[in-house]
Amino acid sequence: MLDKTFRKKACLLLARLERISADSPWAHQASGVRASLAKHLASENCTLDEIENLVNSGYRILEKAASEIPESAESSPTQKTGRGKS
C-alpha cells in the first residue's frame, strides 16, 4: 500500500507528464508512462516497486523534455527587461 506522500507525488507527476507539449519528442513516451502509472495507482494489487519504477521513468522523461526548452522561452519578456505590471 502506498503512503499519502508518495501517492501525492505520483499524482503530481501525472499532471506534469500531461503538460509535455505534443511537439516534444518525449510526448509519446510521457503518454505511455502516464497511462501505466495511472493504471497502477488505480489497481489494488500493484507493488510499490512497480510504481517507483514508473515514477523514476516519468521524472527522467520530464528532465529530458525540460532540457529541450529553449532558454528564450524560460523567461518572459517582462523578466528580461525588468518591466512589467506592478
C-alpha atoms as a PDB file:
ATOM      1  CA  MET A   1       0.000   0.000   0.000  1.00  0.00           C
ATOM      2  CA  LEU A   2       1.217   3.485  -0.864  1.00  0.00           C
ATOM      3  CA  ASP A   3       1.616   6.175   1.730  1.00  0.00           C
ATOM      4  CA  LYS A   4      -0.154   9.505   1.158  1.00  0.00           C
ATOM      5  CA  THR A   5       3.004  11.445   0.383  1.00  0.00           C
ATOM      6  CA  PHE A   6       4.197   9.045  -2.293  1.00  0.00           C
ATOM      7  CA  ARG A   7       0.722   8.846  -3.860  1.00  0.00           C
ATOM      8  CA  LYS A   8       0.551  12.671  -3.934  1.00  0.00           C
ATOM      9  CA  LYS A   9       3.994  12.780  -5.573  1.00  0.00           C
ATOM     10  CA  ALA A  10       2.885  10.264  -8.208  1.00  0.00           C
ATOM     11  CA  CYS A  11      -0.300  12.229  -8.930  1.00  0.00           C
ATOM     12  CA  LEU A  12       1.700  15.446  -9.316  1.00  0.00           C
ATOM     13  CA  LEU A  13       3.968  13.639 -11.759  1.00  0.00           C
ATOM     14  CA  LEU A  14       0.901  12.539 -13.754  1.00  0.00           C
ATOM     15  CA  ALA A  15      -0.151  16.163 -14.092  1.00  0.00           C
ATOM     16  CA  ARG A  16       3.346  17.263 -15.166  1.00  0.00           C
ATOM     17  CA  LEU A  17       3.677  14.499 -17.754  1.00  0.00           C
ATOM     18  CA  GLU A  18       0.352  15.548 -19.221  1.00  0.00           C
ATOM     19  CA  ARG A  19       1.690  19.057 -19.807  1.00  0.00           C
ATOM     20  CA  ILE A  20       4.547  17.981 -22.066  1.00  0.00           C
ATOM     21  CA  SER A  21       3.933  19.523 -25.457  1.00  0.00           C
ATOM     22  CA  ALA A  22       2.683  17.223 -28.195  1.00  0.00           C
ATOM     23  CA  ASP A  23       5.506  18.677 -30.324  1.00  0.00           C
ATOM     24  CA  SER A  24       8.115  17.261 -27.960  1.00  0.00           C
ATOM     25  CA  PRO A  25       9.842  14.048 -28.998  1.00  0.00           C
ATOM     26  CA  TRP A  26       9.203  12.883 -25.425  1.00  0.00           C
ATOM     27  CA  ALA A  27       5.414  13.247 -25.648  1.00  0.00           C
ATOM     28  CA  HIS A  28       4.786   9.667 -26.780  1.00  0.00           C
ATOM     29  CA  GLN A  29       6.892   8.162 -24.016  1.00  0.00           C
ATOM     30  CA  ALA A  30       5.329  10.509 -21.460  1.00  0.00           C
ATOM     31  CA  SER A  31       1.888   9.359 -22.554  1.00  0.00           C
ATOM     32  CA  GLY A  32       2.811   5.704 -22.080  1.00  0.00           C
ATOM     33  CA  VAL A  33       4.320   6.225 -18.638  1.00  0.00           C
ATOM     34  CA  ARG A  34       1.380   8.397 -17.620  1.00  0.00           C
ATOM     35  CA  ALA A  35      -1.143   5.725 -18.671  1.00  0.00           C
ATOM     36  CA  SER A  36       0.780   2.941 -16.927  1.00  0.00           C
ATOM     37  CA  LEU A  37       1.206   4.961 -13.762  1.00  0.00           C
ATOM     38  CA  ALA A  38      -2.484   5.877 -13.640  1.00  0.00           C
ATOM     39  CA  LYS A  39      -3.431   2.235 -14.176  1.00  0.00           C
ATOM     40  CA  HIS A  40      -1.096   1.063 -11.415  1.00  0.00           C
ATOM     41  CA  LEU A  41      -2.293   3.724  -8.986  1.00  0.00           C
ATOM     42  CA  ALA A  42      -5.889   2.627  -9.578  1.00  0.00           C
ATOM     43  CA  SER A  43      -5.000  -1.042  -9.123  1.00  0.00           C
ATOM     44  CA  GLU A  44      -5.059  -2.510  -5.661  1.00  0.00           C
ATOM     45  CA  ASN A  45      -2.683  -5.372  -6.410  1.00  0.00           C
ATOM     46  CA  CYS A  46       0.344  -3.488  -7.760  1.00  0.00           C
ATOM     47  CA  THR A  47       3.655  -3.401  -5.959  1.00  0.00           C
ATOM     48  CA  LEU A  48       5.493  -0.378  -4.655  1.00  0.00           C
ATOM     49  CA  ASP A  49       8.481  -1.332  -6.837  1.00  0.00           C
ATOM     50  CA  GLU A  50       6.353  -1.158  -9.987  1.00  0.00           C
ATOM     51  CA  ILE A  51       5.105   2.306  -9.126  1.00  0.00           C
ATOM     52  CA  GLU A  52       8.568   3.519  -8.076  1.00  0.00           C
ATOM     53  CA  ASN A  53       9.969   2.377 -11.439  1.00  0.00           C
ATOM     54  CA  LEU A  54       7.240   4.259 -13.292  1.00  0.00           C
ATOM     55  CA  VAL A  55       7.768   7.383 -11.173  1.00  0.00           C
ATOM     56  CA  ASN A  56      11.513   7.262 -11.859  1.00  0.00           C
ATOM     57  CA  SER A  57      10.853   6.839 -15.597  1.00  0.00           C
ATOM     58  CA  GLY A  58       8.448   9.759 -15.512  1.00  0.00           C
ATOM     59  CA  TYR A  59      10.986  12.041 -13.846  1.00  0.00           C
ATOM     60  CA  ARG A  60      13.638  11.080 -16.411  1.00  0.00           C
ATOM     61  CA  ILE A  61      11.231  11.949 -19.221  1.00  0.00           C
ATOM     62  CA  LEU A  62      10.422  15.302 -17.584  1.00  0.00           C
ATOM     63  CA  GLU A  63      14.122  16.095 -17.288  1.00  0.00           C
ATOM     64  CA  LYS A  64      14.739  15.230 -20.940  1.00  0.00           C
ATOM     65  CA  ALA A  65      11.733  17.231 -22.132  1.00  0.00           C
ATOM     66  CA  ALA A  66      12.708  20.215 -19.986  1.00  0.00           C
ATOM     67  CA  SER A  67      16.253  20.178 -21.320  1.00  0.00           C
ATOM     68  CA  GLU A  68      14.857  20.822 -24.807  1.00  0.00           C
ATOM     69  CA  ILE A  69      13.092  24.041 -23.831  1.00  0.00           C
ATOM     70  CA  PRO A  70      14.972  26.936 -25.426  1.00  0.00           C
ATOM     71  CA  GLU A  71      16.426  29.446 -22.990  1.00  0.00           C
ATOM     72  CA  SER A  72      14.452  32.285 -24.577  1.00  0.00           C
ATOM     73  CA  ALA A  73      11.211  30.515 -23.612  1.00  0.00           C
ATOM     74  CA  GLU A  74      12.239  30.097 -19.978  1.00  0.00           C
ATOM     75  CA  SER A  75      11.700  33.713 -19.041  1.00  0.00           C
ATOM     76  CA  SER A  76       9.069  36.132 -20.193  1.00  0.00           C
ATOM     77  CA  PRO A  77       9.996  39.422 -21.899  1.00  0.00           C
ATOM     78  CA  THR A  78       8.999  41.348 -18.778  1.00  0.00           C
ATOM     79  CA  GLN A  79      11.548  39.415 -16.733  1.00  0.00           C
ATOM     80  CA  LYS A  80      14.297  40.190 -19.253  1.00  0.00           C
ATOM     81  CA  THR A  81      13.666  43.927 -19.319  1.00  0.00           C
ATOM     82  CA  GLY A  82      12.664  44.302 -15.708  1.00  0.00           C
ATOM     83  CA  ARG A  83       9.460  45.985 -16.821  1.00  0.00           C
ATOM     84  CA  GLY A  84       6.002  44.694 -16.220  1.00  0.00           C
ATOM     85  CA  LYS A  85       2.766  45.352 -14.491  1.00  0.00           C
ATOM     86  CA  SER A  86       3.071  46.017 -10.782  1.00  0.00           C
END
